[in-house]
Amino acid sequence: MKAIQFMTDLFAETGVTPRRAVLMHVSDLFGQTQARSLLTAHQALTPPFAIVETIAYPVTTQDLSTEVAKAKAAKPDLLLPITRPRDAVLLVQELFKQRVEVHAVIGPGSPGLYEPEFVQQLGKLAEFTMDNVPWHNPRNPKTAAVTAAFEKRTGKTFDTNSGYAYEAILIVADALERARSTKPEALLEALRATKITDHIMVGGPIQFTEQGDNANASTALVQILGGRARVVKPTAFAEAAVTFPAPRLWERG
C-alpha cells in the first residue's frame, strides 16, 4: 500500500502523471508474494496509472534482454521491479542497452535497488532509481550518530538490514530493563508492553499487536542521489527533494 501512496503523492507534487506501468518481478516465492501485494494495493487505491504488463523471470537469470524488450514494447511510463541485488544490476544495464524511456524505475518493495553494490557497479546509471523499503529516519538526531558509528566500525552503509538489527537490540534491551529478569514469562510480558517512541527507523512508536507484529512499522521511499540512498517520501522524514521524472539513462554523461 505504501508504495502506491508514495507514488500518488509524488505525482501530485511534481505535476507529472504516468498512465502506464510495467511490473517486473523475480519468480521465486518472495517475488510472487510482493507482486500479488502490489497488484492488490493497486486495485484498492486506484492510482492514475494502469499496470499494462506483468513480467516474471527466474531469480537465477543471467540475461534479461527478452524481458526488457517485452517491457519496452508495452511503452510504460513507469517500471516497477521486484528484484534481488544481482538481477537489479542486470535490469538497469539492459534498460540502458535497449534505451527504454520511462519517467522512473520505482521498486515497490524489495532488495537490490538501494544496495551499495548496485550503486558501485552501475555508477551514474543507478542515480534516480527509487525503492520503497524500511529505512532509518534521517531527521532523528540519533540517526546521524548511529550511522556514523556503524559505518566507521564496519565500513558498510547503514541500511534496511542494519537498521532493523539495531532496533531489535534496542527492543530486547528495553524489555530486559523493564522485566528486571531473564525468565521467559517476565520477558514476554515486557515485550508485550513495549512502547518505544524514540527510535531511528521511519514509523511510529514500536508497539506489538497480539500477533507480535509491530503495529506502527512503516517504509520510506528512497532515491539514489549523489551515489547514496536518500529518503524522499514521506515528507515528514524526507532529507532530499525527489528528482522526477528521471533523466534518460543514456543522457547521464
C-alpha atoms as a PDB file:
ATOM      1  CA  MET A   1       0.000   0.000   0.000  1.00  0.00           C
ATOM      2  CA  LYS A   2       2.754   2.467   0.957  1.00  0.00           C
ATOM      3  CA  ALA A   3       4.441   2.225  -2.441  1.00  0.00           C
ATOM      4  CA  ILE A   4       1.249   3.217  -4.252  1.00  0.00           C
ATOM      5  CA  GLN A   5       0.582   6.004  -1.741  1.00  0.00           C
ATOM      6  CA  PHE A   6       4.095   7.402  -2.142  1.00  0.00           C
ATOM      7  CA  MET A   7       3.833   7.314  -5.922  1.00  0.00           C
ATOM      8  CA  THR A   8       0.463   9.075  -5.885  1.00  0.00           C
ATOM      9  CA  ASP A   9       1.894  11.784  -3.616  1.00  0.00           C
ATOM     10  CA  LEU A  10       4.895  12.089  -5.910  1.00  0.00           C
ATOM     11  CA  PHE A  11       2.729  12.618  -8.989  1.00  0.00           C
ATOM     12  CA  ALA A  12       0.664  15.284  -7.237  1.00  0.00           C
ATOM     13  CA  GLU A  13       3.781  17.072  -6.007  1.00  0.00           C
ATOM     14  CA  THR A  14       5.528  17.161  -9.383  1.00  0.00           C
ATOM     15  CA  GLY A  15       2.500  17.577 -11.619  1.00  0.00           C
ATOM     16  CA  VAL A  16       3.592  14.585 -13.721  1.00  0.00           C
ATOM     17  CA  THR A  17       1.033  11.786 -14.016  1.00  0.00           C
ATOM     18  CA  PRO A  18       2.186   8.479 -15.519  1.00  0.00           C
ATOM     19  CA  ARG A  19      -0.522   6.426 -17.218  1.00  0.00           C
ATOM     20  CA  ARG A  20       1.174   3.108 -17.967  1.00  0.00           C
ATOM     21  CA  ALA A  21       3.342   0.894 -15.777  1.00  0.00           C
ATOM     22  CA  VAL A  22       5.053  -2.459 -16.193  1.00  0.00           C
ATOM     23  CA  LEU A  23       5.582  -4.726 -13.200  1.00  0.00           C
ATOM     24  CA  MET A  24       8.646  -6.980 -13.384  1.00  0.00           C
ATOM     25  CA  HIS A  25       9.463  -9.490 -10.654  1.00  0.00           C
ATOM     26  CA  VAL A  26      11.593 -12.469  -9.775  1.00  0.00           C
ATOM     27  CA  SER A  27       9.538 -15.654  -9.910  1.00  0.00           C
ATOM     28  CA  ASP A  28      10.540 -17.039  -6.508  1.00  0.00           C
ATOM     29  CA  LEU A  29       8.116 -17.052  -3.558  1.00  0.00           C
ATOM     30  CA  PHE A  30       9.259 -13.611  -2.408  1.00  0.00           C
ATOM     31  CA  GLY A  31       8.774 -12.086  -5.845  1.00  0.00           C
ATOM     32  CA  GLN A  32       5.369 -13.670  -6.340  1.00  0.00           C
ATOM     33  CA  THR A  33       4.171 -12.561  -2.905  1.00  0.00           C
ATOM     34  CA  GLN A  34       5.346  -8.984  -3.396  1.00  0.00           C
ATOM     35  CA  ALA A  35       3.844  -8.837  -6.878  1.00  0.00           C
ATOM     36  CA  ARG A  36       0.457 -10.016  -5.600  1.00  0.00           C
ATOM     37  CA  SER A  37       0.634  -7.466  -2.796  1.00  0.00           C
ATOM     38  CA  LEU A  38       1.319  -4.648  -5.249  1.00  0.00           C
ATOM     39  CA  LEU A  39      -1.493  -5.708  -7.572  1.00  0.00           C
ATOM     40  CA  THR A  40      -3.902  -5.864  -4.628  1.00  0.00           C
ATOM     41  CA  ALA A  41      -2.851  -2.396  -3.454  1.00  0.00           C
ATOM     42  CA  HIS A  42      -3.161  -1.060  -6.995  1.00  0.00           C
ATOM     43  CA  GLN A  43      -6.715  -2.355  -7.237  1.00  0.00           C
ATOM     44  CA  ALA A  44      -7.642  -0.966  -3.814  1.00  0.00           C
ATOM     45  CA  LEU A  45      -6.115   2.501  -4.190  1.00  0.00           C
ATOM     46  CA  THR A  46      -6.811   3.053  -7.920  1.00  0.00           C
ATOM     47  CA  PRO A  47      -3.785   5.237  -8.768  1.00  0.00           C
ATOM     48  CA  PRO A  48      -3.803   7.114 -12.092  1.00  0.00           C
ATOM     49  CA  PHE A  49      -1.667   4.542 -13.911  1.00  0.00           C
ATOM     50  CA  ALA A  50      -2.619   1.125 -15.240  1.00  0.00           C
ATOM     51  CA  ILE A  51      -0.333  -1.882 -14.881  1.00  0.00           C
ATOM     52  CA  VAL A  52      -0.320  -2.890 -18.532  1.00  0.00           C
ATOM     53  CA  GLU A  53       2.097  -5.820 -18.287  1.00  0.00           C
ATOM     54  CA  THR A  54       3.388  -8.161 -15.595  1.00  0.00           C
ATOM     55  CA  ILE A  55       6.637  -9.940 -16.406  1.00  0.00           C
ATOM     56  CA  ALA A  56       8.189 -12.659 -14.237  1.00  0.00           C
ATOM     57  CA  TYR A  57      11.706 -14.037 -14.620  1.00  0.00           C
ATOM     58  CA  PRO A  58      13.810 -16.699 -12.847  1.00  0.00           C
ATOM     59  CA  VAL A  59      15.832 -15.495  -9.871  1.00  0.00           C
ATOM     60  CA  THR A  60      18.871 -17.260 -11.381  1.00  0.00           C
ATOM     61  CA  THR A  61      18.642 -15.460 -14.729  1.00  0.00           C
ATOM     62  CA  GLN A  62      21.818 -14.274 -16.409  1.00  0.00           C
ATOM     63  CA  ASP A  63      20.081 -12.305 -19.158  1.00  0.00           C
ATOM     64  CA  LEU A  64      17.034 -10.029 -19.067  1.00  0.00           C
ATOM     65  CA  SER A  65      17.125  -8.907 -22.695  1.00  0.00           C
ATOM     66  CA  THR A  66      13.904 -10.712 -23.655  1.00  0.00           C
ATOM     67  CA  GLU A  67      12.001  -9.485 -20.610  1.00  0.00           C
ATOM     68  CA  VAL A  68      13.184  -5.892 -21.065  1.00  0.00           C
ATOM     69  CA  ALA A  69      12.260  -5.977 -24.756  1.00  0.00           C
ATOM     70  CA  LYS A  70       8.768  -7.096 -23.750  1.00  0.00           C
ATOM     71  CA  ALA A  71       8.574  -4.311 -21.189  1.00  0.00           C
ATOM     72  CA  LYS A  72       9.737  -1.737 -23.738  1.00  0.00           C
ATOM     73  CA  ALA A  73       7.074  -2.879 -26.210  1.00  0.00           C
ATOM     74  CA  ALA A  74       4.405  -2.062 -23.609  1.00  0.00           C
ATOM     75  CA  LYS A  75       5.516   1.603 -23.704  1.00  0.00           C
ATOM     76  CA  PRO A  76       5.480   2.181 -19.945  1.00  0.00           C
ATOM     77  CA  ASP A  77       5.841   5.479 -18.141  1.00  0.00           C
ATOM     78  CA  LEU A  78       6.937   3.607 -15.007  1.00  0.00           C
ATOM     79  CA  LEU A  79       8.895   0.430 -14.437  1.00  0.00           C
ATOM     80  CA  LEU A  80       8.094  -1.282 -11.133  1.00  0.00           C
ATOM     81  CA  PRO A  81      10.672  -4.022 -10.485  1.00  0.00           C
ATOM     82  CA  ILE A  82      10.745  -6.512  -7.607  1.00  0.00           C
ATOM     83  CA  THR A  83      14.323  -7.725  -7.619  1.00  0.00           C
ATOM     84  CA  ARG A  84      17.203  -9.347  -5.852  1.00  0.00           C
ATOM     85  CA  PRO A  85      20.537  -7.459  -5.792  1.00  0.00           C
ATOM     86  CA  ARG A  86      22.172  -9.228  -8.749  1.00  0.00           C
ATOM     87  CA  ASP A  87      19.259  -9.026 -11.159  1.00  0.00           C
ATOM     88  CA  ALA A  88      18.647  -5.384 -10.213  1.00  0.00           C
ATOM     89  CA  VAL A  89      22.012  -4.613 -11.814  1.00  0.00           C
ATOM     90  CA  LEU A  90      21.214  -6.760 -14.875  1.00  0.00           C
ATOM     91  CA  LEU A  91      17.882  -4.994 -15.270  1.00  0.00           C
ATOM     92  CA  VAL A  92      19.234  -1.443 -15.315  1.00  0.00           C
ATOM     93  CA  GLN A  93      22.091  -2.428 -17.626  1.00  0.00           C
ATOM     94  CA  GLU A  94      19.569  -3.869 -20.070  1.00  0.00           C
ATOM     95  CA  LEU A  95      17.307  -0.825 -19.808  1.00  0.00           C
ATOM     96  CA  PHE A  96      20.341   1.247 -20.788  1.00  0.00           C
ATOM     97  CA  LYS A  97      21.287  -1.046 -23.695  1.00  0.00           C
ATOM     98  CA  GLN A  98      17.771  -1.042 -25.118  1.00  0.00           C
ATOM     99  CA  ARG A  99      17.194   2.643 -24.401  1.00  0.00           C
ATOM    100  CA  VAL A 100      13.967   2.114 -22.521  1.00  0.00           C
ATOM    101  CA  GLU A 101      12.497   5.521 -21.770  1.00  0.00           C
ATOM    102  CA  VAL A 102      10.484   5.764 -18.550  1.00  0.00           C
ATOM    103  CA  HIS A 103       9.746   8.521 -16.063  1.00  0.00           C
ATOM    104  CA  ALA A 104      11.254   6.412 -13.299  1.00  0.00           C
ATOM    105  CA  VAL A 105      12.276   2.999 -12.057  1.00  0.00           C
ATOM    106  CA  ILE A 106      10.493   2.550  -8.711  1.00  0.00           C
ATOM    107  CA  GLY A 107      10.811  -0.625  -6.684  1.00  0.00           C
ATOM    108  CA  PRO A 108       7.567  -1.268  -4.778  1.00  0.00           C
ATOM    109  CA  GLY A 109       9.471  -3.167  -2.096  1.00  0.00           C
ATOM    110  CA  SER A 110      12.500  -5.418  -2.473  1.00  0.00           C
ATOM    111  CA  PRO A 111      16.273  -5.546  -2.063  1.00  0.00           C
ATOM    112  CA  GLY A 112      18.602  -4.562  -4.860  1.00  0.00           C
ATOM    113  CA  LEU A 113      17.765  -1.048  -5.931  1.00  0.00           C
ATOM    114  CA  TYR A 114      19.193   0.675  -2.852  1.00  0.00           C
ATOM    115  CA  GLU A 115      22.178  -1.582  -2.130  1.00  0.00           C
ATOM    116  CA  PRO A 116      25.713  -0.082  -2.138  1.00  0.00           C
ATOM    117  CA  GLU A 117      26.805  -2.779  -4.606  1.00  0.00           C
ATOM    118  CA  PHE A 118      24.070  -1.661  -7.000  1.00  0.00           C
ATOM    119  CA  VAL A 119      25.429   1.886  -6.939  1.00  0.00           C
ATOM    120  CA  GLN A 120      29.069   0.792  -7.137  1.00  0.00           C
ATOM    121  CA  GLN A 121      28.512  -1.417 -10.176  1.00  0.00           C
ATOM    122  CA  LEU A 122      26.248   0.942 -12.096  1.00  0.00           C
ATOM    123  CA  GLY A 123      27.608   4.371 -11.192  1.00  0.00           C
ATOM    124  CA  LYS A 124      25.542   7.086 -12.869  1.00  0.00           C
ATOM    125  CA  LEU A 125      23.075   4.525 -14.199  1.00  0.00           C
ATOM    126  CA  ALA A 126      21.981   3.850 -10.613  1.00  0.00           C
ATOM    127  CA  GLU A 127      21.149   7.505  -9.994  1.00  0.00           C
ATOM    128  CA  PHE A 128      17.478   8.469  -9.512  1.00  0.00           C
ATOM    129  CA  THR A 129      16.308   4.874  -9.022  1.00  0.00           C
ATOM    130  CA  MET A 130      13.730   4.647  -6.225  1.00  0.00           C
ATOM    131  CA  ASP A 131      12.722   1.906  -3.805  1.00  0.00           C
ATOM    132  CA  ASN A 132      10.059   1.574  -1.111  1.00  0.00           C
ATOM    133  CA  VAL A 133      11.766  -0.013   1.900  1.00  0.00           C
ATOM    134  CA  PRO A 134      12.020   0.160   5.695  1.00  0.00           C
ATOM    135  CA  TRP A 135      14.634   2.848   6.365  1.00  0.00           C
ATOM    136  CA  HIS A 136      16.178   4.894   9.125  1.00  0.00           C
ATOM    137  CA  ASN A 137      14.787   8.342   9.872  1.00  0.00           C
ATOM    138  CA  PRO A 138      17.375  10.907   8.718  1.00  0.00           C
ATOM    139  CA  ARG A 139      15.652  13.658  10.707  1.00  0.00           C
ATOM    140  CA  ASN A 140      16.205  11.971  14.056  1.00  0.00           C
ATOM    141  CA  PRO A 141      19.407  13.383  15.629  1.00  0.00           C
ATOM    142  CA  LYS A 142      20.255   9.903  16.906  1.00  0.00           C
ATOM    143  CA  THR A 143      20.393   8.547  13.383  1.00  0.00           C
ATOM    144  CA  ALA A 144      23.493  10.500  12.385  1.00  0.00           C
ATOM    145  CA  ALA A 145      25.417   9.258  15.421  1.00  0.00           C
ATOM    146  CA  VAL A 146      24.341   5.636  14.952  1.00  0.00           C
ATOM    147  CA  THR A 147      25.036   5.540  11.213  1.00  0.00           C
ATOM    148  CA  ALA A 148      28.422   7.240  11.603  1.00  0.00           C
ATOM    149  CA  ALA A 149      29.495   4.801  14.323  1.00  0.00           C
ATOM    150  CA  PHE A 150      28.268   1.804  12.314  1.00  0.00           C
ATOM    151  CA  GLU A 151      29.966   2.871   9.095  1.00  0.00           C
ATOM    152  CA  LYS A 152      33.223   3.718  10.874  1.00  0.00           C
ATOM    153  CA  ARG A 153      33.319   0.321  12.565  1.00  0.00           C
ATOM    154  CA  THR A 154      32.155  -1.849   9.649  1.00  0.00           C
ATOM    155  CA  GLY A 155      32.999   0.136   6.538  1.00  0.00           C
ATOM    156  CA  LYS A 156      29.477  -0.624   5.307  1.00  0.00           C
ATOM    157  CA  THR A 157      26.419   1.512   4.648  1.00  0.00           C
ATOM    158  CA  PHE A 158      23.746   1.628   7.341  1.00  0.00           C
ATOM    159  CA  ASP A 159      20.626   0.440   5.522  1.00  0.00           C
ATOM    160  CA  THR A 160      17.420  -1.553   5.972  1.00  0.00           C
ATOM    161  CA  ASN A 161      19.087  -4.662   7.373  1.00  0.00           C
ATOM    162  CA  SER A 162      21.403  -2.871   9.795  1.00  0.00           C
ATOM    163  CA  GLY A 163      18.583  -0.566  10.873  1.00  0.00           C
ATOM    164  CA  TYR A 164      16.336  -3.490  11.744  1.00  0.00           C
ATOM    165  CA  ALA A 165      19.170  -5.253  13.575  1.00  0.00           C
ATOM    166  CA  TYR A 166      19.852  -2.131  15.640  1.00  0.00           C
ATOM    167  CA  GLU A 167      16.194  -1.781  16.563  1.00  0.00           C
ATOM    168  CA  ALA A 168      15.947  -5.459  17.513  1.00  0.00           C
ATOM    169  CA  ILE A 169      18.745  -4.954  20.050  1.00  0.00           C
ATOM    170  CA  LEU A 170      17.044  -1.785  21.280  1.00  0.00           C
ATOM    171  CA  ILE A 171      13.786  -3.687  21.824  1.00  0.00           C
ATOM    172  CA  VAL A 172      15.474  -6.533  23.705  1.00  0.00           C
ATOM    173  CA  ALA A 173      17.457  -4.130  25.895  1.00  0.00           C
ATOM    174  CA  ASP A 174      14.323  -2.147  26.696  1.00  0.00           C
ATOM    175  CA  ALA A 175      12.405  -5.315  27.608  1.00  0.00           C
ATOM    176  CA  LEU A 176      15.232  -6.604  29.816  1.00  0.00           C
ATOM    177  CA  GLU A 177      15.407  -3.325  31.716  1.00  0.00           C
ATOM    178  CA  ARG A 178      11.680  -3.305  32.391  1.00  0.00           C
ATOM    179  CA  ALA A 179      11.381  -7.031  33.145  1.00  0.00           C
ATOM    180  CA  ARG A 180      14.313  -6.966  35.585  1.00  0.00           C
ATOM    181  CA  SER A 181      14.507 -10.694  34.945  1.00  0.00           C
ATOM    182  CA  THR A 182      15.647 -13.189  32.328  1.00  0.00           C
ATOM    183  CA  LYS A 183      12.723 -15.519  32.968  1.00  0.00           C
ATOM    184  CA  PRO A 184      10.786 -16.172  29.728  1.00  0.00           C
ATOM    185  CA  GLU A 185       7.414 -15.198  31.212  1.00  0.00           C
ATOM    186  CA  ALA A 186       8.713 -11.877  32.509  1.00  0.00           C
ATOM    187  CA  LEU A 187      10.440 -11.066  29.218  1.00  0.00           C
ATOM    188  CA  LEU A 188       7.352 -11.963  27.212  1.00  0.00           C
ATOM    189  CA  GLU A 189       5.191  -9.720  29.360  1.00  0.00           C
ATOM    190  CA  ALA A 190       7.700  -6.878  28.979  1.00  0.00           C
ATOM    191  CA  LEU A 191       7.802  -7.310  25.202  1.00  0.00           C
ATOM    192  CA  ARG A 192       4.011  -7.179  25.042  1.00  0.00           C
ATOM    193  CA  ALA A 193       4.096  -3.861  26.907  1.00  0.00           C
ATOM    194  CA  THR A 194       6.774  -2.357  24.647  1.00  0.00           C
ATOM    195  CA  LYS A 195       6.278   1.250  23.608  1.00  0.00           C
ATOM    196  CA  ILE A 196       9.415   2.889  22.247  1.00  0.00           C
ATOM    197  CA  THR A 197       8.873   6.351  20.824  1.00  0.00           C
ATOM    198  CA  ASP A 198      12.499   7.406  20.409  1.00  0.00           C
ATOM    199  CA  HIS A 199      13.874   5.058  17.765  1.00  0.00           C
ATOM    200  CA  ILE A 200      15.698   5.573  14.492  1.00  0.00           C
ATOM    201  CA  MET A 201      13.528   3.868  11.875  1.00  0.00           C
ATOM    202  CA  VAL A 202      10.777   5.563   9.874  1.00  0.00           C
ATOM    203  CA  GLY A 203       7.411   4.929  11.512  1.00  0.00           C
ATOM    204  CA  GLY A 204       5.510   5.458  14.730  1.00  0.00           C
ATOM    205  CA  PRO A 205       6.150   4.093  18.232  1.00  0.00           C
ATOM    206  CA  ILE A 206       7.309   0.479  18.426  1.00  0.00           C
ATOM    207  CA  GLN A 207       4.334  -1.428  19.828  1.00  0.00           C
ATOM    208  CA  PHE A 208       3.338  -5.032  19.246  1.00  0.00           C
ATOM    209  CA  THR A 209      -0.038  -6.478  18.346  1.00  0.00           C
ATOM    210  CA  GLU A 210      -1.330  -9.719  19.854  1.00  0.00           C
ATOM    211  CA  GLN A 211       0.162 -11.484  16.830  1.00  0.00           C
ATOM    212  CA  GLY A 212       3.587  -9.996  17.544  1.00  0.00           C
ATOM    213  CA  ASP A 213       3.658  -7.530  14.662  1.00  0.00           C
ATOM    214  CA  ASN A 214       4.989  -4.001  15.080  1.00  0.00           C
ATOM    215  CA  ALA A 215       1.729  -2.088  14.656  1.00  0.00           C
ATOM    216  CA  ASN A 216       3.377   1.172  13.591  1.00  0.00           C
ATOM    217  CA  ALA A 217       6.108  -0.156  11.310  1.00  0.00           C
ATOM    218  CA  SER A 218       6.338   1.720   8.036  1.00  0.00           C
ATOM    219  CA  THR A 219       8.517   2.286   4.992  1.00  0.00           C
ATOM    220  CA  ALA A 220      10.152   5.165   3.173  1.00  0.00           C
ATOM    221  CA  LEU A 221      10.653   5.917  -0.482  1.00  0.00           C
ATOM    222  CA  VAL A 222      14.386   6.287  -1.037  1.00  0.00           C
ATOM    223  CA  GLN A 223      16.085   7.577  -4.172  1.00  0.00           C
ATOM    224  CA  ILE A 224      19.702   7.183  -5.227  1.00  0.00           C
ATOM    225  CA  LEU A 225      21.047  10.736  -5.232  1.00  0.00           C
ATOM    226  CA  GLY A 226      24.743  11.528  -5.298  1.00  0.00           C
ATOM    227  CA  GLY A 227      25.632   7.851  -5.039  1.00  0.00           C
ATOM    228  CA  ARG A 228      23.614   7.182  -1.888  1.00  0.00           C
ATOM    229  CA  ALA A 229      20.044   6.230  -0.969  1.00  0.00           C
ATOM    230  CA  ARG A 230      18.222   9.225   0.476  1.00  0.00           C
ATOM    231  CA  VAL A 231      14.699   9.486   1.876  1.00  0.00           C
ATOM    232  CA  VAL A 232      12.366  11.497  -0.373  1.00  0.00           C
ATOM    233  CA  LYS A 233       8.986  10.325   0.992  1.00  0.00           C
ATOM    234  CA  PRO A 234       7.111  10.663   3.274  1.00  0.00           C
ATOM    235  CA  THR A 235       7.675  14.395   3.508  1.00  0.00           C
ATOM    236  CA  ALA A 236       7.863  14.281   7.315  1.00  0.00           C
ATOM    237  CA  PHE A 237      11.029  12.178   7.087  1.00  0.00           C
ATOM    238  CA  ALA A 238      12.480  13.447   3.784  1.00  0.00           C
ATOM    239  CA  GLU A 239      16.122  14.531   3.614  1.00  0.00           C
ATOM    240  CA  ALA A 240      16.216  15.433  -0.085  1.00  0.00           C
ATOM    241  CA  ALA A 241      13.951  16.674  -2.859  1.00  0.00           C
ATOM    242  CA  VAL A 242      12.902  13.972  -5.286  1.00  0.00           C
ATOM    243  CA  THR A 243      14.033  14.047  -8.913  1.00  0.00           C
ATOM    244  CA  PHE A 244      11.069  13.037 -11.081  1.00  0.00           C
ATOM    245  CA  PRO A 245      10.907  12.393 -13.950  1.00  0.00           C
ATOM    246  CA  ALA A 246      14.439  10.994 -14.026  1.00  0.00           C
ATOM    247  CA  PRO A 247      16.880  11.928 -16.804  1.00  0.00           C
ATOM    248  CA  ARG A 248      17.211   9.276 -19.514  1.00  0.00           C
ATOM    249  CA  LEU A 249      19.747   6.584 -18.714  1.00  0.00           C
ATOM    250  CA  TRP A 250      21.789   7.259 -21.842  1.00  0.00           C
ATOM    251  CA  GLU A 251      21.987  11.008 -21.224  1.00  0.00           C
ATOM    252  CA  ARG A 252      23.774  10.947 -17.873  1.00  0.00           C
ATOM    253  CA  GLY A 253      27.315  11.569 -19.076  1.00  0.00           C
END
